[in-house]
Amino acid sequence: MQYRTLGRTGVQVSSLALGAMNFGSIGRTTQEEATAIVDAALEGGVNLIDTADMYGDGQSEEMVGKAIAGRRDDIVLATKAGMPMGEERNHRGASRRWLVTELDDSLRRLGVDHVDLYQIHRWDPDTDDEETLSALTDLRRAGKIRYFGSSTFPAYRLVQAQWAAREHRLGRYVTEQPSYSILQRGIETHVLPVTEEYGLGVLAWSPLASGWLSGAVREGRDVTTSRSKLLPQRFDLAVPANRARLDAVERLARVADGAGLTMIQLALGFVTAHPAVTSALIGPRTPDHLHAQLAAADTVLSADVLDAIDAIVAPGTDLAPDEKYDTPPALLDASRRRR
């Protein structure tokens, strides 16, 4: 396992981090399986675990809490807030009112008195940066969080938040958690240059592109992954973007074979090779999935392999642009643009 400094915090984290989204109802992972995954991850050198309040409506946090009981101090623990938690209109977003309340709920579910990294799950266009940053700064001063970060923010919002922190003399985001994989490279254009400029740590989620790069999705083979059952439209080959992804996967498989690598090693090695990336978040649903992903912990791709990947998916290209998660709200909601 490789270790890197998380932004400018001085905290050392593993280049592969454990994402716990599949713990509970989403991945149908039991507590016994979740604990086994955490045990194996820690044994394999992973020291950062990332979850969120909305994963399984709190189930993931509860299962992580039970799995890490008695060894909290050995783990860099991260969670997130901001996505809807039920139908109540104020149980979401990045207001002080919600963040203060929901952090206490997360701490209770995790069974800890603080988290190392508290992240805003998505940019909230209805809440001022000063409102959010002042709440996070106060929570840090209270000792309930050590650092705070953002997740899936557009590049211009990262810049705006850094400006607001300086203007109002508040704590600043020290990390960003974007979606990044060989098949979704759009953040190379704007987001990663901004994170490098401001010294933000980067925790890349979905490095296996929702299973497209796991080796389970190939030409002429039925797709039976859990994600394909949950989101079948993302694997429908009648959709041009999905056809383009499969064509790229077939070419990437030949690159992996030629380099003596699995598809998982190729995919994770690519993400962690970018100098702006601190860690790739792996989200195993079973212990077997974890072991296949941990095999990429020491993978270093040669320049020839990286060049071959660039020839298949050009730098800065998203093969599925409709699946971007940092699109400005005005492009998605007609009421926000000239209506």
C-alpha atoms as a PDB file:
ATOM      1  CA  MET A   1       0.000   0.000   0.000  1.00  0.00           C
ATOM      2  CA  GLN A   2       1.162   3.511  -0.791  1.00  0.00           C
ATOM      3  CA  TYR A   3       0.498   6.443   1.532  1.00  0.00           C
ATOM      4  CA  ARG A   4       0.050  10.087   0.645  1.00  0.00           C
ATOM      5  CA  THR A   5      -0.553  13.341   2.475  1.00  0.00           C
ATOM      6  CA  LEU A   6      -4.206  14.389   2.454  1.00  0.00           C
ATOM      7  CA  GLY A   7      -3.940  17.824   0.868  1.00  0.00           C
ATOM      8  CA  ARG A   8      -1.968  20.066   3.176  1.00  0.00           C
ATOM      9  CA  THR A   9      -3.329  18.581   6.407  1.00  0.00           C
ATOM     10  CA  GLY A  10      -0.257  16.513   7.212  1.00  0.00           C
ATOM     11  CA  VAL A  11      -2.481  13.431   7.639  1.00  0.00           C
ATOM     12  CA  GLN A  12      -1.161  10.328   5.876  1.00  0.00           C
ATOM     13  CA  VAL A  13      -3.795   8.212   4.123  1.00  0.00           C
ATOM     14  CA  SER A  14      -3.688   5.067   2.011  1.00  0.00           C
ATOM     15  CA  SER A  15      -3.836   5.391  -1.773  1.00  0.00           C
ATOM     16  CA  LEU A  16      -6.820   3.027  -1.724  1.00  0.00           C
ATOM     17  CA  ALA A  17      -9.556   4.047   0.703  1.00  0.00           C
ATOM     18  CA  LEU A  18     -12.593   2.024   1.748  1.00  0.00           C
ATOM     19  CA  GLY A  19     -15.930   3.447   0.650  1.00  0.00           C
ATOM     20  CA  ALA A  20     -18.848   2.048   2.642  1.00  0.00           C
ATOM     21  CA  MET A  21     -21.791   2.902   0.380  1.00  0.00           C
ATOM     22  CA  ASN A  22     -22.568  -0.790  -0.144  1.00  0.00           C
ATOM     23  CA  PHE A  23     -22.874  -1.500   3.568  1.00  0.00           C
ATOM     24  CA  GLY A  24     -26.529  -2.173   4.347  1.00  0.00           C
ATOM     25  CA  SER A  25     -29.522  -2.073   2.027  1.00  0.00           C
ATOM     26  CA  ILE A  26     -27.786  -0.620  -1.040  1.00  0.00           C
ATOM     27  CA  GLY A  27     -25.352  -3.506  -1.413  1.00  0.00           C
ATOM     28  CA  ARG A  28     -27.327  -5.975   0.696  1.00  0.00           C
ATOM     29  CA  THR A  29     -24.222  -6.372   2.849  1.00  0.00           C
ATOM     30  CA  THR A  30     -24.735  -7.787   6.334  1.00  0.00           C
ATOM     31  CA  GLN A  31     -22.970  -6.566   9.462  1.00  0.00           C
ATOM     32  CA  GLU A  32     -20.845  -9.722   9.493  1.00  0.00           C
ATOM     33  CA  GLU A  33     -19.758  -9.093   5.900  1.00  0.00           C
ATOM     34  CA  ALA A  34     -19.135  -5.405   6.552  1.00  0.00           C
ATOM     35  CA  THR A  35     -16.958  -6.200   9.552  1.00  0.00           C
ATOM     36  CA  ALA A  36     -15.026  -8.789   7.532  1.00  0.00           C
ATOM     37  CA  ILE A  37     -14.465  -6.204   4.787  1.00  0.00           C
ATOM     38  CA  VAL A  38     -13.223  -3.620   7.287  1.00  0.00           C
ATOM     39  CA  ASP A  39     -10.951  -6.204   8.945  1.00  0.00           C
ATOM     40  CA  ALA A  40      -9.411  -7.224   5.626  1.00  0.00           C
ATOM     41  CA  ALA A  41      -9.063  -3.624   4.448  1.00  0.00           C
ATOM     42  CA  LEU A  42      -7.198  -2.585   7.579  1.00  0.00           C
ATOM     43  CA  GLU A  43      -4.999  -5.670   7.357  1.00  0.00           C
ATOM     44  CA  GLY A  44      -4.247  -4.729   3.751  1.00  0.00           C
ATOM     45  CA  GLY A  45      -3.031  -1.282   4.763  1.00  0.00           C
ATOM     46  CA  VAL A  46      -6.166   0.818   4.205  1.00  0.00           C
ATOM     47  CA  ASN A  47      -6.472   3.503   6.885  1.00  0.00           C
ATOM     48  CA  LEU A  48      -9.245   5.750   5.516  1.00  0.00           C
ATOM     49  CA  ILE A  49     -12.927   4.761   5.632  1.00  0.00           C
ATOM     50  CA  ASP A  50     -15.531   6.942   3.944  1.00  0.00           C
ATOM     51  CA  THR A  51     -19.296   6.759   4.438  1.00  0.00           C
ATOM     52  CA  ALA A  52     -22.288   9.113   4.386  1.00  0.00           C
ATOM     53  CA  ASP A  53     -25.470   9.714   6.334  1.00  0.00           C
ATOM     54  CA  MET A  54     -27.731   8.859   3.398  1.00  0.00           C
ATOM     55  CA  TYR A  55     -26.165   5.495   2.549  1.00  0.00           C
ATOM     56  CA  GLY A  56     -28.968   3.130   3.486  1.00  0.00           C
ATOM     57  CA  ASP A  57     -30.624   5.938   5.471  1.00  0.00           C
ATOM     58  CA  GLY A  58     -27.928   5.719   8.130  1.00  0.00           C
ATOM     59  CA  GLN A  59     -27.324   1.963   7.953  1.00  0.00           C
ATOM     60  CA  SER A  60     -23.835   2.351   6.536  1.00  0.00           C
ATOM     61  CA  GLU A  61     -22.705   4.645   9.340  1.00  0.00           C
ATOM     62  CA  GLU A  62     -24.123   2.265  11.939  1.00  0.00           C
ATOM     63  CA  MET A  63     -22.357  -0.723  10.388  1.00  0.00           C
ATOM     64  CA  VAL A  64     -19.068   1.148  10.042  1.00  0.00           C
ATOM     65  CA  GLY A  65     -19.335   2.184  13.692  1.00  0.00           C
ATOM     66  CA  LYS A  66     -19.757  -1.401  14.838  1.00  0.00           C
ATOM     67  CA  ALA A  67     -16.964  -2.619  12.558  1.00  0.00           C
ATOM     68  CA  ILE A  68     -14.392  -0.115  13.860  1.00  0.00           C
ATOM     69  CA  ALA A  69     -15.310  -0.343  17.543  1.00  0.00           C
ATOM     70  CA  GLY A  70     -12.186  -0.503  19.676  1.00  0.00           C
ATOM     71  CA  ARG A  71      -9.832   0.735  16.964  1.00  0.00           C
ATOM     72  CA  ARG A  72     -11.143   4.193  16.175  1.00  0.00           C
ATOM     73  CA  ASP A  73      -7.797   5.916  16.655  1.00  0.00           C
ATOM     74  CA  ASP A  74      -6.159   3.825  13.927  1.00  0.00           C
ATOM     75  CA  ILE A  75      -8.602   5.028  11.270  1.00  0.00           C
ATOM     76  CA  VAL A  76      -9.084   8.268   9.375  1.00  0.00           C
ATOM     77  CA  LEU A  77     -12.883   8.377   9.467  1.00  0.00           C
ATOM     78  CA  ALA A  78     -14.859  10.400   6.936  1.00  0.00           C
ATOM     79  CA  THR A  79     -18.570  10.916   6.429  1.00  0.00           C
ATOM     80  CA  LYS A  80     -20.809  13.230   4.450  1.00  0.00           C
ATOM     81  CA  ALA A  81     -24.059  15.194   4.774  1.00  0.00           C
ATOM     82  CA  GLY A  82     -26.303  17.246   2.545  1.00  0.00           C
ATOM     83  CA  MET A  83     -28.332  14.730   0.555  1.00  0.00           C
ATOM     84  CA  PRO A  84     -32.011  14.255   1.557  1.00  0.00           C
ATOM     85  CA  MET A  85     -32.654  12.279   4.730  1.00  0.00           C
ATOM     86  CA  GLY A  86     -36.375  11.644   4.440  1.00  0.00           C
ATOM     87  CA  GLU A  87     -39.205  13.812   3.139  1.00  0.00           C
ATOM     88  CA  GLU A  88     -38.865  16.736   5.562  1.00  0.00           C
ATOM     89  CA  ARG A  89     -37.732  19.692   3.441  1.00  0.00           C
ATOM     90  CA  ASN A  90     -35.138  20.914   5.939  1.00  0.00           C
ATOM     91  CA  HIS A  91     -33.533  17.507   6.460  1.00  0.00           C
ATOM     92  CA  ARG A  92     -31.065  18.115   3.635  1.00  0.00           C
ATOM     93  CA  GLY A  93     -28.747  20.772   2.245  1.00  0.00           C
ATOM     94  CA  ALA A  94     -25.853  22.685   3.773  1.00  0.00           C
ATOM     95  CA  SER A  95     -27.522  25.100   6.191  1.00  0.00           C
ATOM     96  CA  ARG A  96     -26.173  25.561   9.701  1.00  0.00           C
ATOM     97  CA  ARG A  97     -29.484  24.300  11.072  1.00  0.00           C
ATOM     98  CA  TRP A  98     -29.182  20.967   9.267  1.00  0.00           C
ATOM     99  CA  LEU A  99     -25.427  20.362   9.477  1.00  0.00           C
ATOM    100  CA  VAL A 100     -25.287  20.867  13.261  1.00  0.00           C
ATOM    101  CA  THR A 101     -28.216  18.491  13.761  1.00  0.00           C
ATOM    102  CA  GLU A 102     -27.128  15.871  11.283  1.00  0.00           C
ATOM    103  CA  LEU A 103     -23.532  15.697  12.474  1.00  0.00           C
ATOM    104  CA  ASP A 104     -24.778  14.744  15.920  1.00  0.00           C
ATOM    105  CA  ASP A 105     -26.916  12.038  14.320  1.00  0.00           C
ATOM    106  CA  SER A 106     -23.915  10.759  12.346  1.00  0.00           C
ATOM    107  CA  LEU A 107     -21.720  10.677  15.445  1.00  0.00           C
ATOM    108  CA  ARG A 108     -24.411   8.718  17.273  1.00  0.00           C
ATOM    109  CA  ARG A 109     -24.736   6.196  14.447  1.00  0.00           C
ATOM    110  CA  LEU A 110     -20.957   5.832  14.157  1.00  0.00           C
ATOM    111  CA  GLY A 111     -20.530   5.540  17.922  1.00  0.00           C
ATOM    112  CA  VAL A 112     -17.721   8.122  18.019  1.00  0.00           C
ATOM    113  CA  ASP A 113     -17.220  11.603  19.439  1.00  0.00           C
ATOM    114  CA  HIS A 114     -15.698  13.083  16.281  1.00  0.00           C
ATOM    115  CA  VAL A 115     -15.018  12.407  12.599  1.00  0.00           C
ATOM    116  CA  ASP A 116     -11.748  13.268  10.930  1.00  0.00           C
ATOM    117  CA  LEU A 117     -13.303  14.553   7.711  1.00  0.00           C
ATOM    118  CA  TYR A 118     -16.837  15.932   7.288  1.00  0.00           C
ATOM    119  CA  GLN A 119     -17.850  16.516   3.680  1.00  0.00           C
ATOM    120  CA  ILE A 120     -20.676  18.399   1.995  1.00  0.00           C
ATOM    121  CA  HIS A 121     -22.109  15.670  -0.240  1.00  0.00           C
ATOM    122  CA  ARG A 122     -23.207  18.013  -3.024  1.00  0.00           C
ATOM    123  CA  TRP A 123     -23.057  21.762  -3.538  1.00  0.00           C
ATOM    124  CA  ASP A 124     -26.263  23.333  -2.202  1.00  0.00           C
ATOM    125  CA  PRO A 125     -27.222  26.234  -4.492  1.00  0.00           C
ATOM    126  CA  ASP A 126     -29.764  27.503  -1.957  1.00  0.00           C
ATOM    127  CA  THR A 127     -27.224  28.049   0.829  1.00  0.00           C
ATOM    128  CA  ASP A 128     -24.595  30.771   0.981  1.00  0.00           C
ATOM    129  CA  ASP A 129     -20.967  29.678   1.267  1.00  0.00           C
ATOM    130  CA  GLU A 130     -20.493  31.798   4.379  1.00  0.00           C
ATOM    131  CA  GLU A 131     -23.440  30.042   6.072  1.00  0.00           C
ATOM    132  CA  THR A 132     -21.988  26.596   5.409  1.00  0.00           C
ATOM    133  CA  LEU A 133     -18.355  27.421   6.119  1.00  0.00           C
ATOM    134  CA  SER A 134     -19.135  29.234   9.360  1.00  0.00           C
ATOM    135  CA  ALA A 135     -21.111  26.226  10.612  1.00  0.00           C
ATOM    136  CA  LEU A 136     -18.308  23.843   9.667  1.00  0.00           C
ATOM    137  CA  THR A 137     -15.715  26.107  11.268  1.00  0.00           C
ATOM    138  CA  ASP A 138     -17.699  26.141  14.519  1.00  0.00           C
ATOM    139  CA  LEU A 139     -18.087  22.357  14.462  1.00  0.00           C
ATOM    140  CA  ARG A 140     -14.331  22.044  14.037  1.00  0.00           C
ATOM    141  CA  ARG A 141     -13.707  24.393  16.952  1.00  0.00           C
ATOM    142  CA  ALA A 142     -16.107  22.315  19.038  1.00  0.00           C
ATOM    143  CA  GLY A 143     -13.916  19.262  18.360  1.00  0.00           C
ATOM    144  CA  LYS A 144     -16.632  17.310  16.552  1.00  0.00           C
ATOM    145  CA  ILE A 145     -14.740  17.336  13.253  1.00  0.00           C
ATOM    146  CA  ARG A 146     -11.053  17.705  12.480  1.00  0.00           C
ATOM    147  CA  TYR A 147     -11.299  18.839   8.847  1.00  0.00           C
ATOM    148  CA  PHE A 148     -14.018  19.483   6.312  1.00  0.00           C
ATOM    149  CA  GLY A 149     -14.291  19.034   2.577  1.00  0.00           C
ATOM    150  CA  SER A 150     -16.571  19.038  -0.436  1.00  0.00           C
ATOM    151  CA  SER A 151     -17.865  16.315  -2.712  1.00  0.00           C
ATOM    152  CA  THR A 152     -18.626  16.544  -6.426  1.00  0.00           C
ATOM    153  CA  PHE A 153     -18.424  20.347  -6.547  1.00  0.00           C
ATOM    154  CA  PRO A 154     -18.026  22.078  -9.922  1.00  0.00           C
ATOM    155  CA  ALA A 155     -14.625  23.722 -10.269  1.00  0.00           C
ATOM    156  CA  TYR A 156     -16.008  27.256 -10.075  1.00  0.00           C
ATOM    157  CA  ARG A 157     -17.753  26.431  -6.775  1.00  0.00           C
ATOM    158  CA  LEU A 158     -14.476  25.149  -5.336  1.00  0.00           C
ATOM    159  CA  VAL A 159     -12.872  28.478  -6.223  1.00  0.00           C
ATOM    160  CA  GLN A 160     -15.817  30.442  -4.804  1.00  0.00           C
ATOM    161  CA  ALA A 161     -15.678  28.529  -1.526  1.00  0.00           C
ATOM    162  CA  GLN A 162     -11.950  29.176  -1.174  1.00  0.00           C
ATOM    163  CA  TRP A 163     -12.572  32.879  -1.788  1.00  0.00           C
ATOM    164  CA  ALA A 164     -15.425  32.970   0.753  1.00  0.00           C
ATOM    165  CA  ALA A 165     -13.269  31.298   3.409  1.00  0.00           C
ATOM    166  CA  ARG A 166     -10.544  33.887   2.927  1.00  0.00           C
ATOM    167  CA  GLU A 167     -12.957  36.836   2.702  1.00  0.00           C
ATOM    168  CA  HIS A 168     -14.796  35.918   5.905  1.00  0.00           C
ATOM    169  CA  ARG A 169     -11.793  34.448   7.754  1.00  0.00           C
ATOM    170  CA  LEU A 170     -13.343  31.023   8.075  1.00  0.00           C
ATOM    171  CA  GLY A 171     -11.996  27.510   7.808  1.00  0.00           C
ATOM    172  CA  ARG A 172     -11.737  26.197   4.264  1.00  0.00           C
ATOM    173  CA  TYR A 173     -12.443  22.977   2.468  1.00  0.00           C
ATOM    174  CA  VAL A 174      -9.272  20.890   2.482  1.00  0.00           C
ATOM    175  CA  THR A 175     -10.510  18.039   0.285  1.00  0.00           C
ATOM    176  CA  GLU A 176     -12.711  17.378  -2.726  1.00  0.00           C
ATOM    177  CA  GLN A 177     -14.351  14.046  -3.564  1.00  0.00           C
ATOM    178  CA  PRO A 178     -15.117  13.841  -7.315  1.00  0.00           C
ATOM    179  CA  SER A 179     -16.143  11.001  -9.601  1.00  0.00           C
ATOM    180  CA  TYR A 180     -13.137   9.908 -11.661  1.00  0.00           C
ATOM    181  CA  SER A 181     -12.276   6.917 -13.824  1.00  0.00           C
ATOM    182  CA  ILE A 182     -10.767   6.036 -17.182  1.00  0.00           C
ATOM    183  CA  LEU A 183     -14.237   6.364 -18.696  1.00  0.00           C
ATOM    184  CA  GLN A 184     -15.118   9.637 -16.950  1.00  0.00           C
ATOM    185  CA  ARG A 185     -12.136  11.995 -17.235  1.00  0.00           C
ATOM    186  CA  GLY A 186     -13.928  15.328 -17.421  1.00  0.00           C
ATOM    187  CA  ILE A 187     -12.582  16.550 -14.087  1.00  0.00           C
ATOM    188  CA  GLU A 188      -9.089  16.630 -15.592  1.00  0.00           C
ATOM    189  CA  THR A 189     -10.164  19.737 -17.488  1.00  0.00           C
ATOM    190  CA  HIS A 190     -11.208  22.002 -14.618  1.00  0.00           C
ATOM    191  CA  VAL A 191     -11.623  20.318 -11.218  1.00  0.00           C
ATOM    192  CA  LEU A 192      -8.198  18.703 -10.776  1.00  0.00           C
ATOM    193  CA  PRO A 193      -6.276  21.836 -11.827  1.00  0.00           C
ATOM    194  CA  VAL A 194      -8.237  23.757  -9.181  1.00  0.00           C
ATOM    195  CA  THR A 195      -7.577  21.175  -6.457  1.00  0.00           C
ATOM    196  CA  GLU A 196      -3.869  21.328  -7.276  1.00  0.00           C
ATOM    197  CA  GLU A 197      -3.912  25.129  -7.201  1.00  0.00           C
ATOM    198  CA  TYR A 198      -5.458  25.213  -3.721  1.00  0.00           C
ATOM    199  CA  GLY A 199      -3.706  22.158  -2.320  1.00  0.00           C
ATOM    200  CA  LEU A 200      -6.864  20.110  -1.809  1.00  0.00           C
ATOM    201  CA  GLY A 201      -6.694  16.402  -1.148  1.00  0.00           C
ATOM    202  CA  VAL A 202      -8.684  14.407  -3.715  1.00  0.00           C
ATOM    203  CA  LEU A 203     -10.629  11.256  -2.852  1.00  0.00           C
ATOM    204  CA  ALA A 204     -11.820   9.863  -6.186  1.00  0.00           C
ATOM    205  CA  TRP A 205     -15.062   7.899  -6.122  1.00  0.00           C
ATOM    206  CA  SER A 206     -16.316   5.346  -8.677  1.00  0.00           C
ATOM    207  CA  PRO A 207     -12.829   4.565 -10.061  1.00  0.00           C
ATOM    208  CA  LEU A 208     -14.279   1.334 -11.499  1.00  0.00           C
ATOM    209  CA  ALA A 209     -17.039   3.317 -13.260  1.00  0.00           C
ATOM    210  CA  SER A 210     -19.944   1.552 -11.533  1.00  0.00           C
ATOM    211  CA  GLY A 211     -18.530  -1.832 -12.515  1.00  0.00           C
ATOM    212  CA  TRP A 212     -17.744  -1.088 -16.159  1.00  0.00           C
ATOM    213  CA  LEU A 213     -14.027  -1.447 -15.365  1.00  0.00           C
ATOM    214  CA  SER A 214     -14.270  -4.387 -12.960  1.00  0.00           C
ATOM    215  CA  GLY A 215     -13.859  -7.009 -15.694  1.00  0.00           C
ATOM    216  CA  ALA A 216     -17.495  -8.094 -15.327  1.00  0.00           C
ATOM    217  CA  VAL A 217     -18.729  -6.068 -18.318  1.00  0.00           C
ATOM    218  CA  ARG A 218     -17.526  -7.476 -21.635  1.00  0.00           C
ATOM    219  CA  GLU A 219     -18.805  -7.915 -25.185  1.00  0.00           C
ATOM    220  CA  GLY A 220     -21.171 -10.870 -25.582  1.00  0.00           C
ATOM    221  CA  ARG A 221     -21.505 -11.394 -21.843  1.00  0.00           C
ATOM    222  CA  ASP A 222     -24.665 -10.836 -19.793  1.00  0.00           C
ATOM    223  CA  VAL A 223     -24.211  -8.033 -17.285  1.00  0.00           C
ATOM    224  CA  THR A 224     -25.220  -9.302 -13.847  1.00  0.00           C
ATOM    225  CA  THR A 225     -23.571  -6.789 -11.524  1.00  0.00           C
ATOM    226  CA  SER A 226     -25.561  -5.353  -8.621  1.00  0.00           C
ATOM    227  CA  ARG A 227     -25.254  -1.874 -10.110  1.00  0.00           C
ATOM    228  CA  SER A 228     -26.712  -3.008 -13.444  1.00  0.00           C
ATOM    229  CA  LYS A 229     -29.759  -4.314 -11.597  1.00  0.00           C
ATOM    230  CA  LEU A 230     -30.128  -1.069  -9.680  1.00  0.00           C
ATOM    231  CA  LEU A 231     -29.560   1.204 -12.696  1.00  0.00           C
ATOM    232  CA  PRO A 232     -30.262  -0.887 -15.825  1.00  0.00           C
ATOM    233  CA  GLN A 233     -30.392   2.148 -18.129  1.00  0.00           C
ATOM    234  CA  ARG A 234     -26.689   2.748 -17.525  1.00  0.00           C
ATOM    235  CA  PHE A 235     -25.869  -0.621 -19.060  1.00  0.00           C
ATOM    236  CA  ASP A 236     -28.384  -0.637 -21.935  1.00  0.00           C
ATOM    237  CA  LEU A 237     -26.289  -1.050 -25.069  1.00  0.00           C
ATOM    238  CA  ALA A 238     -28.991   0.629 -27.154  1.00  0.00           C
ATOM    239  CA  VAL A 239     -27.803   3.871 -25.530  1.00  0.00           C
ATOM    240  CA  PRO A 240     -24.925   5.325 -27.608  1.00  0.00           C
ATOM    241  CA  ALA A 241     -22.900   6.348 -24.545  1.00  0.00           C
ATOM    242  CA  ASN A 242     -23.053   2.802 -23.199  1.00  0.00           C
ATOM    243  CA  ARG A 243     -22.011   1.376 -26.559  1.00  0.00           C
ATOM    244  CA  ALA A 244     -19.046   3.755 -26.568  1.00  0.00           C
ATOM    245  CA  ARG A 245     -18.116   2.614 -23.069  1.00  0.00           C
ATOM    246  CA  LEU A 246     -18.222  -1.050 -24.015  1.00  0.00           C
ATOM    247  CA  ASP A 247     -16.068  -0.417 -27.081  1.00  0.00           C
ATOM    248  CA  ALA A 248     -13.544   1.379 -24.853  1.00  0.00           C
ATOM    249  CA  VAL A 249     -13.646  -1.435 -22.287  1.00  0.00           C
ATOM    250  CA  GLU A 250     -12.804  -4.026 -24.952  1.00  0.00           C
ATOM    251  CA  ARG A 251      -9.783  -1.999 -26.065  1.00  0.00           C
ATOM    252  CA  LEU A 252      -8.724  -1.379 -22.463  1.00  0.00           C
ATOM    253  CA  ALA A 253      -8.940  -5.110 -21.741  1.00  0.00           C
ATOM    254  CA  ARG A 254      -6.349  -5.725 -24.443  1.00  0.00           C
ATOM    255  CA  VAL A 255      -4.087  -3.087 -22.883  1.00  0.00           C
ATOM    256  CA  ALA A 256      -4.459  -4.739 -19.476  1.00  0.00           C
ATOM    257  CA  ASP A 257      -3.722  -8.192 -20.881  1.00  0.00           C
ATOM    258  CA  GLY A 258      -0.627  -6.907 -22.657  1.00  0.00           C
ATOM    259  CA  ALA A 259       0.651  -5.378 -19.417  1.00  0.00           C
ATOM    260  CA  GLY A 260      -0.109  -8.477 -17.342  1.00  0.00           C
ATOM    261  CA  LEU A 261      -2.751  -6.650 -15.307  1.00  0.00           C
ATOM    262  CA  THR A 262      -6.357  -7.229 -14.380  1.00  0.00           C
ATOM    263  CA  MET A 263      -8.911  -4.631 -15.442  1.00  0.00           C
ATOM    264  CA  ILE A 264      -9.233  -3.609 -11.808  1.00  0.00           C
ATOM    265  CA  GLN A 265      -5.490  -3.037 -11.509  1.00  0.00           C
ATOM    266  CA  LEU A 266      -5.524  -1.006 -14.719  1.00  0.00           C
ATOM    267  CA  ALA A 267      -8.459   1.121 -13.565  1.00  0.00           C
ATOM    268  CA  LEU A 268      -7.230   1.800 -10.037  1.00  0.00           C
ATOM    269  CA  GLY A 269      -3.638   2.261 -11.161  1.00  0.00           C
ATOM    270  CA  PHE A 270      -4.813   4.878 -13.642  1.00  0.00           C
ATOM    271  CA  VAL A 271      -6.719   6.917 -11.044  1.00  0.00           C
ATOM    272  CA  THR A 272      -3.967   6.850  -8.441  1.00  0.00           C
ATOM    273  CA  ALA A 273      -1.355   7.768 -11.060  1.00  0.00           C
ATOM    274  CA  HIS A 274      -2.725  11.301 -11.400  1.00  0.00           C
ATOM    275  CA  PRO A 275      -0.590  13.639  -9.258  1.00  0.00           C
ATOM    276  CA  ALA A 276      -3.691  15.480  -8.011  1.00  0.00           C
ATOM    277  CA  VAL A 277      -5.341  12.327  -6.625  1.00  0.00           C
ATOM    278  CA  THR A 278      -4.706  11.333  -3.023  1.00  0.00           C
ATOM    279  CA  SER A 279      -6.788   8.163  -2.819  1.00  0.00           C
ATOM    280  CA  ALA A 280      -9.142   6.072  -4.925  1.00  0.00           C
ATOM    281  CA  LEU A 281     -12.280   5.047  -3.051  1.00  0.00           C
ATOM    282  CA  ILE A 282     -13.088   1.379  -3.531  1.00  0.00           C
ATOM    283  CA  GLY A 283     -16.593   0.224  -2.633  1.00  0.00           C
ATOM    284  CA  PRO A 284     -16.560  -3.566  -2.325  1.00  0.00           C
ATOM    285  CA  ARG A 285     -19.819  -5.396  -1.667  1.00  0.00           C
ATOM    286  CA  THR A 286     -18.138  -8.635  -0.574  1.00  0.00           C
ATOM    287  CA  PRO A 287     -14.760  -9.667   0.869  1.00  0.00           C
ATOM    288  CA  ASP A 288     -13.890 -11.254  -2.498  1.00  0.00           C
ATOM    289  CA  HIS A 289     -14.469  -7.914  -4.223  1.00  0.00           C
ATOM    290  CA  LEU A 290     -12.186  -6.254  -1.689  1.00  0.00           C
ATOM    291  CA  HIS A 291      -9.319  -8.690  -2.194  1.00  0.00           C
ATOM    292  CA  ALA A 292      -9.499  -8.226  -5.986  1.00  0.00           C
ATOM    293  CA  GLN A 293      -9.277  -4.468  -5.488  1.00  0.00           C
ATOM    294  CA  LEU A 294      -6.531  -4.553  -2.868  1.00  0.00           C
ATOM    295  CA  ALA A 295      -4.412  -6.406  -5.440  1.00  0.00           C
ATOM    296  CA  ALA A 296      -4.046  -3.002  -7.143  1.00  0.00           C
ATOM    297  CA  ALA A 297      -2.552  -1.347  -4.048  1.00  0.00           C
ATOM    298  CA  ASP A 298       1.003  -1.365  -5.411  1.00  0.00           C
ATOM    299  CA  THR A 299       0.146  -1.072  -9.117  1.00  0.00           C
ATOM    300  CA  VAL A 300       2.207   1.525 -10.969  1.00  0.00           C
ATOM    301  CA  LEU A 301       1.351   1.949 -14.639  1.00  0.00           C
ATOM    302  CA  SER A 302       4.161   2.497 -17.111  1.00  0.00           C
ATOM    303  CA  ALA A 303       4.220   5.500 -19.431  1.00  0.00           C
ATOM    304  CA  ASP A 304       3.418   3.214 -22.372  1.00  0.00           C
ATOM    305  CA  VAL A 305       0.291   1.922 -20.651  1.00  0.00           C
ATOM    306  CA  LEU A 306      -0.845   5.423 -19.710  1.00  0.00           C
ATOM    307  CA  ASP A 307      -0.302   6.548 -23.313  1.00  0.00           C
ATOM    308  CA  ALA A 308      -2.357   3.596 -24.553  1.00  0.00           C
ATOM    309  CA  ILE A 309      -5.203   4.583 -22.225  1.00  0.00           C
ATOM    310  CA  ASP A 310      -5.051   8.171 -23.505  1.00  0.00           C
ATOM    311  CA  ALA A 311      -5.375   6.862 -27.058  1.00  0.00           C
ATOM    312  CA  ILE A 312      -8.596   5.062 -26.111  1.00  0.00           C
ATOM    313  CA  VAL A 313     -10.188   7.744 -23.912  1.00  0.00           C
ATOM    314  CA  ALA A 314      -8.716  11.169 -24.472  1.00  0.00           C
ATOM    315  CA  PRO A 315      -7.744  13.276 -21.435  1.00  0.00           C
ATOM    316  CA  GLY A 316     -10.631  15.380 -20.161  1.00  0.00           C
ATOM    317  CA  THR A 317     -13.277  13.235 -21.894  1.00  0.00           C
ATOM    318  CA  ASP A 318     -16.471  11.890 -20.296  1.00  0.00           C
ATOM    319  CA  LEU A 319     -17.810   8.950 -22.283  1.00  0.00           C
ATOM    320  CA  ALA A 320     -21.148   9.264 -20.453  1.00  0.00           C
ATOM    321  CA  PRO A 321     -21.661  13.031 -20.162  1.00  0.00           C
ATOM    322  CA  ASP A 322     -25.255  12.592 -18.975  1.00  0.00           C
ATOM    323  CA  GLU A 323     -23.936  10.926 -15.813  1.00  0.00           C
ATOM    324  CA  LYS A 324     -21.909  13.890 -14.647  1.00  0.00           C
ATOM    325  CA  TYR A 325     -22.758  14.847 -11.078  1.00  0.00           C
ATOM    326  CA  ASP A 326     -21.349  18.373 -10.984  1.00  0.00           C
ATOM    327  CA  THR A 327     -23.510  19.916 -13.719  1.00  0.00           C
ATOM    328  CA  PRO A 328     -24.675  23.429 -12.720  1.00  0.00           C
ATOM    329  CA  PRO A 329     -28.328  23.329 -11.560  1.00  0.00           C
ATOM    330  CA  ALA A 330     -29.342  25.883 -14.192  1.00  0.00           C
ATOM    331  CA  LEU A 331     -28.619  23.314 -16.907  1.00  0.00           C
ATOM    332  CA  LEU A 332     -30.826  20.712 -15.253  1.00  0.00           C
ATOM    333  CA  ASP A 333     -33.747  22.796 -13.968  1.00  0.00           C
ATOM    334  CA  ALA A 334     -35.575  25.054 -16.428  1.00  0.00           C
ATOM    335  CA  SER A 335     -36.856  27.222 -13.551  1.00  0.00           C
ATOM    336  CA  ARG A 336     -33.277  28.328 -12.899  1.00  0.00           C
ATOM    337  CA  ARG A 337     -32.682  29.618 -16.411  1.00  0.00           C
ATOM    338  CA  ARG A 338     -34.817  32.313 -18.015  1.00  0.00           C
ATOM    339  CA  ARG A 339     -38.152  30.894 -16.835  1.00  0.00           C
END
